[in-house]
């Protein structure tokens, strides 16, 4: 997300950060993804080579995709998985954040225009436990920090 919590504009990311994408792939390797239909269909969407759960009222026949009508249904499909990643969009993040015990959240150090926003991260509930800064260079127009937040009291969500 950007410093003003933007995560998208016109169903696309408003930045291109190759090193952040590589980090994302390493962190999520072998883990299932849950995402809304529009996020799944976005031109720059990442899909799990392992398992993709798409939240949609319409269930299509799509190779490599399972459909769920709700977040609860998606989580039920993944009850045997030790960890799953929520990939958005904004509505899904807002619905799921209270269930999370860890957030992997990259902050792009810029204020950007957008039409989709990440929910507010309440510092009373979340502790920054890891942060890796990446400056600008020939491949990265924006500097960014790859952060990990852990819930201060696991299992206690507001």
C-alpha atoms as a PDB file:
ATOM      1  CA  UNK A   1       0.000   0.000   0.000  1.00  0.00           C
ATOM      2  CA  UNK A   2       1.090   3.586  -0.438  1.00  0.00           C
ATOM      3  CA  UNK A   3       1.562   5.909   2.536  1.00  0.00           C
ATOM      4  CA  UNK A   4      -2.037   7.083   1.997  1.00  0.00           C
ATOM      5  CA  UNK A   5      -3.196   3.408   2.005  1.00  0.00           C
ATOM      6  CA  UNK A   6      -3.819   3.151  -1.778  1.00  0.00           C
ATOM      7  CA  UNK A   7      -3.661  -0.428  -3.055  1.00  0.00           C
ATOM      8  CA  UNK A   8      -5.123   0.001  -6.512  1.00  0.00           C
ATOM      9  CA  UNK A   9      -6.468   2.159  -9.281  1.00  0.00           C
ATOM     10  CA  UNK A  10      -8.658   0.852 -12.095  1.00  0.00           C
ATOM     11  CA  UNK A  11      -8.095  -2.717 -10.846  1.00  0.00           C
ATOM     12  CA  UNK A  12      -4.297  -2.478 -11.160  1.00  0.00           C
ATOM     13  CA  UNK A  13      -1.403  -1.738  -8.855  1.00  0.00           C
ATOM     14  CA  UNK A  14      -0.234   1.885  -9.219  1.00  0.00           C
ATOM     15  CA  UNK A  15       3.431   0.834  -9.033  1.00  0.00           C
ATOM     16  CA  UNK A  16       5.865  -1.720 -10.418  1.00  0.00           C
ATOM     17  CA  UNK A  17       8.344  -3.063  -7.844  1.00  0.00           C
ATOM     18  CA  UNK A  18      10.169  -6.140  -9.195  1.00  0.00           C
ATOM     19  CA  UNK A  19      12.138  -6.843  -6.002  1.00  0.00           C
ATOM     20  CA  UNK A  20       8.977  -6.635  -3.896  1.00  0.00           C
ATOM     21  CA  UNK A  21       7.231  -9.105  -6.230  1.00  0.00           C
ATOM     22  CA  UNK A  22      10.184 -11.486  -5.890  1.00  0.00           C
ATOM     23  CA  UNK A  23       9.992 -11.196  -2.102  1.00  0.00           C
ATOM     24  CA  UNK A  24       6.233 -11.804  -2.273  1.00  0.00           C
ATOM     25  CA  UNK A  25       6.748 -14.959  -4.342  1.00  0.00           C
ATOM     26  CA  UNK A  26       9.261 -16.321  -1.814  1.00  0.00           C
ATOM     27  CA  UNK A  27       7.030 -15.596   1.199  1.00  0.00           C
ATOM     28  CA  UNK A  28       3.903 -17.075  -0.406  1.00  0.00           C
ATOM     29  CA  UNK A  29       5.498 -20.061  -2.160  1.00  0.00           C
ATOM     30  CA  UNK A  30       3.438 -23.193  -1.582  1.00  0.00           C
ATOM     31  CA  UNK A  31       0.677 -21.293   0.210  1.00  0.00           C
ATOM     32  CA  UNK A  32      -2.952 -20.844  -0.879  1.00  0.00           C
ATOM     33  CA  UNK A  33      -4.340 -17.462  -1.928  1.00  0.00           C
ATOM     34  CA  UNK A  34      -7.777 -16.036  -1.219  1.00  0.00           C
ATOM     35  CA  UNK A  35      -8.902 -13.083  -3.324  1.00  0.00           C
ATOM     36  CA  UNK A  36     -11.950 -11.391  -4.707  1.00  0.00           C
ATOM     37  CA  UNK A  37     -12.979 -12.018  -8.297  1.00  0.00           C
ATOM     38  CA  UNK A  38     -11.834  -8.613  -9.578  1.00  0.00           C
ATOM     39  CA  UNK A  39      -8.426  -9.055  -7.953  1.00  0.00           C
ATOM     40  CA  UNK A  40      -8.112 -12.500  -9.515  1.00  0.00           C
ATOM     41  CA  UNK A  41      -8.986 -11.093 -12.951  1.00  0.00           C
ATOM     42  CA  UNK A  42      -6.676  -8.062 -12.676  1.00  0.00           C
ATOM     43  CA  UNK A  43      -4.067  -7.872 -15.447  1.00  0.00           C
ATOM     44  CA  UNK A  44      -1.180  -7.784 -12.952  1.00  0.00           C
ATOM     45  CA  UNK A  45      -2.608 -10.382 -10.541  1.00  0.00           C
ATOM     46  CA  UNK A  46      -0.392 -13.036  -9.051  1.00  0.00           C
ATOM     47  CA  UNK A  47      -1.862 -16.505  -8.832  1.00  0.00           C
ATOM     48  CA  UNK A  48      -0.685 -19.287  -6.581  1.00  0.00           C
ATOM     49  CA  UNK A  49       0.821 -22.275  -8.372  1.00  0.00           C
ATOM     50  CA  UNK A  50      -0.493 -24.209  -5.360  1.00  0.00           C
ATOM     51  CA  UNK A  51      -4.107 -23.171  -4.696  1.00  0.00           C
ATOM     52  CA  UNK A  52      -6.354 -20.179  -5.514  1.00  0.00           C
ATOM     53  CA  UNK A  53      -9.683 -19.504  -3.809  1.00  0.00           C
ATOM     54  CA  UNK A  54     -11.731 -16.789  -5.530  1.00  0.00           C
ATOM     55  CA  UNK A  55     -14.594 -15.118  -3.711  1.00  0.00           C
ATOM     56  CA  UNK A  56     -17.510 -14.829  -6.098  1.00  0.00           C
ATOM     57  CA  UNK A  57     -21.222 -15.537  -6.204  1.00  0.00           C
ATOM     58  CA  UNK A  58     -20.670 -17.078  -9.642  1.00  0.00           C
ATOM     59  CA  UNK A  59     -18.794 -20.371  -9.666  1.00  0.00           C
ATOM     60  CA  UNK A  60     -17.074 -20.969 -12.984  1.00  0.00           C
ATOM     61  CA  UNK A  61     -15.087 -23.909 -14.266  1.00  0.00           C
ATOM     62  CA  UNK A  62     -11.569 -22.485 -14.192  1.00  0.00           C
ATOM     63  CA  UNK A  63      -8.437 -24.628 -14.021  1.00  0.00           C
ATOM     64  CA  UNK A  64      -6.482 -24.059 -10.834  1.00  0.00           C
ATOM     65  CA  UNK A  65      -9.276 -22.118  -9.126  1.00  0.00           C
ATOM     66  CA  UNK A  66     -11.774 -22.973  -6.428  1.00  0.00           C
ATOM     67  CA  UNK A  67     -14.704 -20.620  -5.899  1.00  0.00           C
ATOM     68  CA  UNK A  68     -16.287 -19.660  -2.588  1.00  0.00           C
ATOM     69  CA  UNK A  69     -19.352 -17.497  -2.035  1.00  0.00           C
ATOM     70  CA  UNK A  70     -17.963 -15.991   1.187  1.00  0.00           C
ATOM     71  CA  UNK A  71     -14.790 -15.567   3.187  1.00  0.00           C
ATOM     72  CA  UNK A  72     -16.102 -18.104   5.712  1.00  0.00           C
ATOM     73  CA  UNK A  73     -16.610 -20.642   2.918  1.00  0.00           C
ATOM     74  CA  UNK A  74     -13.099 -19.969   1.583  1.00  0.00           C
ATOM     75  CA  UNK A  75     -11.576 -20.457   5.028  1.00  0.00           C
ATOM     76  CA  UNK A  76     -13.526 -23.692   5.462  1.00  0.00           C
ATOM     77  CA  UNK A  77     -11.978 -24.975   2.219  1.00  0.00           C
ATOM     78  CA  UNK A  78      -8.554 -24.217   3.700  1.00  0.00           C
ATOM     79  CA  UNK A  79      -9.089 -25.471   7.247  1.00  0.00           C
ATOM     80  CA  UNK A  80      -6.225 -27.988   6.908  1.00  0.00           C
ATOM     81  CA  UNK A  81      -3.783 -25.315   5.698  1.00  0.00           C
ATOM     82  CA  UNK A  82      -1.446 -23.809   8.314  1.00  0.00           C
ATOM     83  CA  UNK A  83      -1.341 -20.435   6.532  1.00  0.00           C
ATOM     84  CA  UNK A  84      -3.245 -18.704   3.740  1.00  0.00           C
ATOM     85  CA  UNK A  85      -2.692 -15.322   2.108  1.00  0.00           C
ATOM     86  CA  UNK A  86      -5.430 -12.769   1.456  1.00  0.00           C
ATOM     87  CA  UNK A  87      -4.612 -10.918  -1.768  1.00  0.00           C
ATOM     88  CA  UNK A  88      -7.445  -8.421  -1.899  1.00  0.00           C
ATOM     89  CA  UNK A  89      -9.184  -6.433  -3.017  1.00  0.00           C
ATOM     90  CA  UNK A  90     -10.086  -3.691  -0.615  1.00  0.00           C
ATOM     91  CA  UNK A  91     -13.404  -5.226   0.460  1.00  0.00           C
ATOM     92  CA  UNK A  92     -11.805  -8.611   1.133  1.00  0.00           C
ATOM     93  CA  UNK A  93      -8.963  -7.024   3.119  1.00  0.00           C
ATOM     94  CA  UNK A  94     -11.480  -5.091   5.221  1.00  0.00           C
ATOM     95  CA  UNK A  95     -13.490  -8.241   5.909  1.00  0.00           C
ATOM     96  CA  UNK A  96     -10.460 -10.423   6.667  1.00  0.00           C
ATOM     97  CA  UNK A  97      -8.110  -8.183   8.663  1.00  0.00           C
ATOM     98  CA  UNK A  98      -9.830  -8.939  11.970  1.00  0.00           C
ATOM     99  CA  UNK A  99      -9.124 -12.665  11.413  1.00  0.00           C
ATOM    100  CA  UNK A 100      -5.416 -12.285  10.676  1.00  0.00           C
ATOM    101  CA  UNK A 101      -2.641 -12.899  13.167  1.00  0.00           C
ATOM    102  CA  UNK A 102       0.122 -11.662  10.854  1.00  0.00           C
ATOM    103  CA  UNK A 103       0.231  -9.004   8.139  1.00  0.00           C
ATOM    104  CA  UNK A 104       2.835  -8.972   5.389  1.00  0.00           C
ATOM    105  CA  UNK A 105       2.419  -5.384   4.298  1.00  0.00           C
ATOM    106  CA  UNK A 106       4.627  -3.494   1.889  1.00  0.00           C
ATOM    107  CA  UNK A 107       4.481   0.280   2.250  1.00  0.00           C
ATOM    108  CA  UNK A 108       5.352   2.260  -0.876  1.00  0.00           C
ATOM    109  CA  UNK A 109       6.879   5.548   0.266  1.00  0.00           C
ATOM    110  CA  UNK A 110       4.687   7.836  -1.818  1.00  0.00           C
ATOM    111  CA  UNK A 111       1.214   9.364  -1.772  1.00  0.00           C
ATOM    112  CA  UNK A 112      -0.570   7.995  -4.820  1.00  0.00           C
ATOM    113  CA  UNK A 113      -3.948   8.360  -6.462  1.00  0.00           C
ATOM    114  CA  UNK A 114      -6.197   5.372  -6.250  1.00  0.00           C
ATOM    115  CA  UNK A 115      -9.695   4.017  -5.890  1.00  0.00           C
ATOM    116  CA  UNK A 116      -8.980   1.046  -3.601  1.00  0.00           C
ATOM    117  CA  UNK A 117      -7.565   1.357  -0.091  1.00  0.00           C
ATOM    118  CA  UNK A 118      -6.126  -0.949   2.557  1.00  0.00           C
ATOM    119  CA  UNK A 119      -7.897  -0.765   5.926  1.00  0.00           C
ATOM    120  CA  UNK A 120      -6.338   1.226   8.745  1.00  0.00           C
ATOM    121  CA  UNK A 121      -3.794  -0.811  10.726  1.00  0.00           C
ATOM    122  CA  UNK A 122      -4.479  -0.083  14.402  1.00  0.00           C
ATOM    123  CA  UNK A 123      -1.169   0.251  16.280  1.00  0.00           C
ATOM    124  CA  UNK A 124      -2.945  -0.806  19.491  1.00  0.00           C
ATOM    125  CA  UNK A 125      -3.545  -4.222  17.894  1.00  0.00           C
ATOM    126  CA  UNK A 126      -0.497  -4.680  15.656  1.00  0.00           C
ATOM    127  CA  UNK A 127       3.231  -4.643  16.337  1.00  0.00           C
ATOM    128  CA  UNK A 128       5.796  -4.076  13.595  1.00  0.00           C
ATOM    129  CA  UNK A 129       8.143  -7.056  14.034  1.00  0.00           C
ATOM    130  CA  UNK A 130      10.205  -6.833  10.845  1.00  0.00           C
ATOM    131  CA  UNK A 131      10.926  -4.181   8.239  1.00  0.00           C
ATOM    132  CA  UNK A 132      13.228  -4.253   5.231  1.00  0.00           C
ATOM    133  CA  UNK A 133      13.760  -0.956   3.389  1.00  0.00           C
ATOM    134  CA  UNK A 134      14.430  -0.805  -0.360  1.00  0.00           C
ATOM    135  CA  UNK A 135      15.482   2.477  -1.919  1.00  0.00           C
ATOM    136  CA  UNK A 136      14.884   3.737  -5.427  1.00  0.00           C
ATOM    137  CA  UNK A 137      17.085   2.477  -8.245  1.00  0.00           C
ATOM    138  CA  UNK A 138      16.964   1.936 -12.004  1.00  0.00           C
ATOM    139  CA  UNK A 139      14.162  -0.659 -11.605  1.00  0.00           C
ATOM    140  CA  UNK A 140      12.206   0.951  -8.756  1.00  0.00           C
ATOM    141  CA  UNK A 141      10.719   4.443  -9.103  1.00  0.00           C
ATOM    142  CA  UNK A 142       9.496   4.364  -5.493  1.00  0.00           C
ATOM    143  CA  UNK A 143      11.251   3.387  -2.294  1.00  0.00           C
ATOM    144  CA  UNK A 144       9.361   0.900  -0.149  1.00  0.00           C
ATOM    145  CA  UNK A 145       9.485  -1.105   3.064  1.00  0.00           C
ATOM    146  CA  UNK A 146       8.487  -4.762   3.300  1.00  0.00           C
ATOM    147  CA  UNK A 147       6.934  -5.021   6.755  1.00  0.00           C
ATOM    148  CA  UNK A 148       5.646  -7.795   8.957  1.00  0.00           C
ATOM    149  CA  UNK A 149       3.118  -6.962  11.645  1.00  0.00           C
ATOM    150  CA  UNK A 150       2.077  -9.467  14.297  1.00  0.00           C
ATOM    151  CA  UNK A 151      -1.115  -9.146  16.272  1.00  0.00           C
ATOM    152  CA  UNK A 152      -0.177  -8.062  19.800  1.00  0.00           C
ATOM    153  CA  UNK A 153      -2.649 -10.478  21.378  1.00  0.00           C
ATOM    154  CA  UNK A 154      -3.159 -13.426  18.968  1.00  0.00           C
ATOM    155  CA  UNK A 155      -6.736 -14.608  18.730  1.00  0.00           C
ATOM    156  CA  UNK A 156      -8.100 -11.296  20.026  1.00  0.00           C
ATOM    157  CA  UNK A 157      -9.579  -9.258  17.223  1.00  0.00           C
ATOM    158  CA  UNK A 158     -11.751  -6.185  17.329  1.00  0.00           C
END
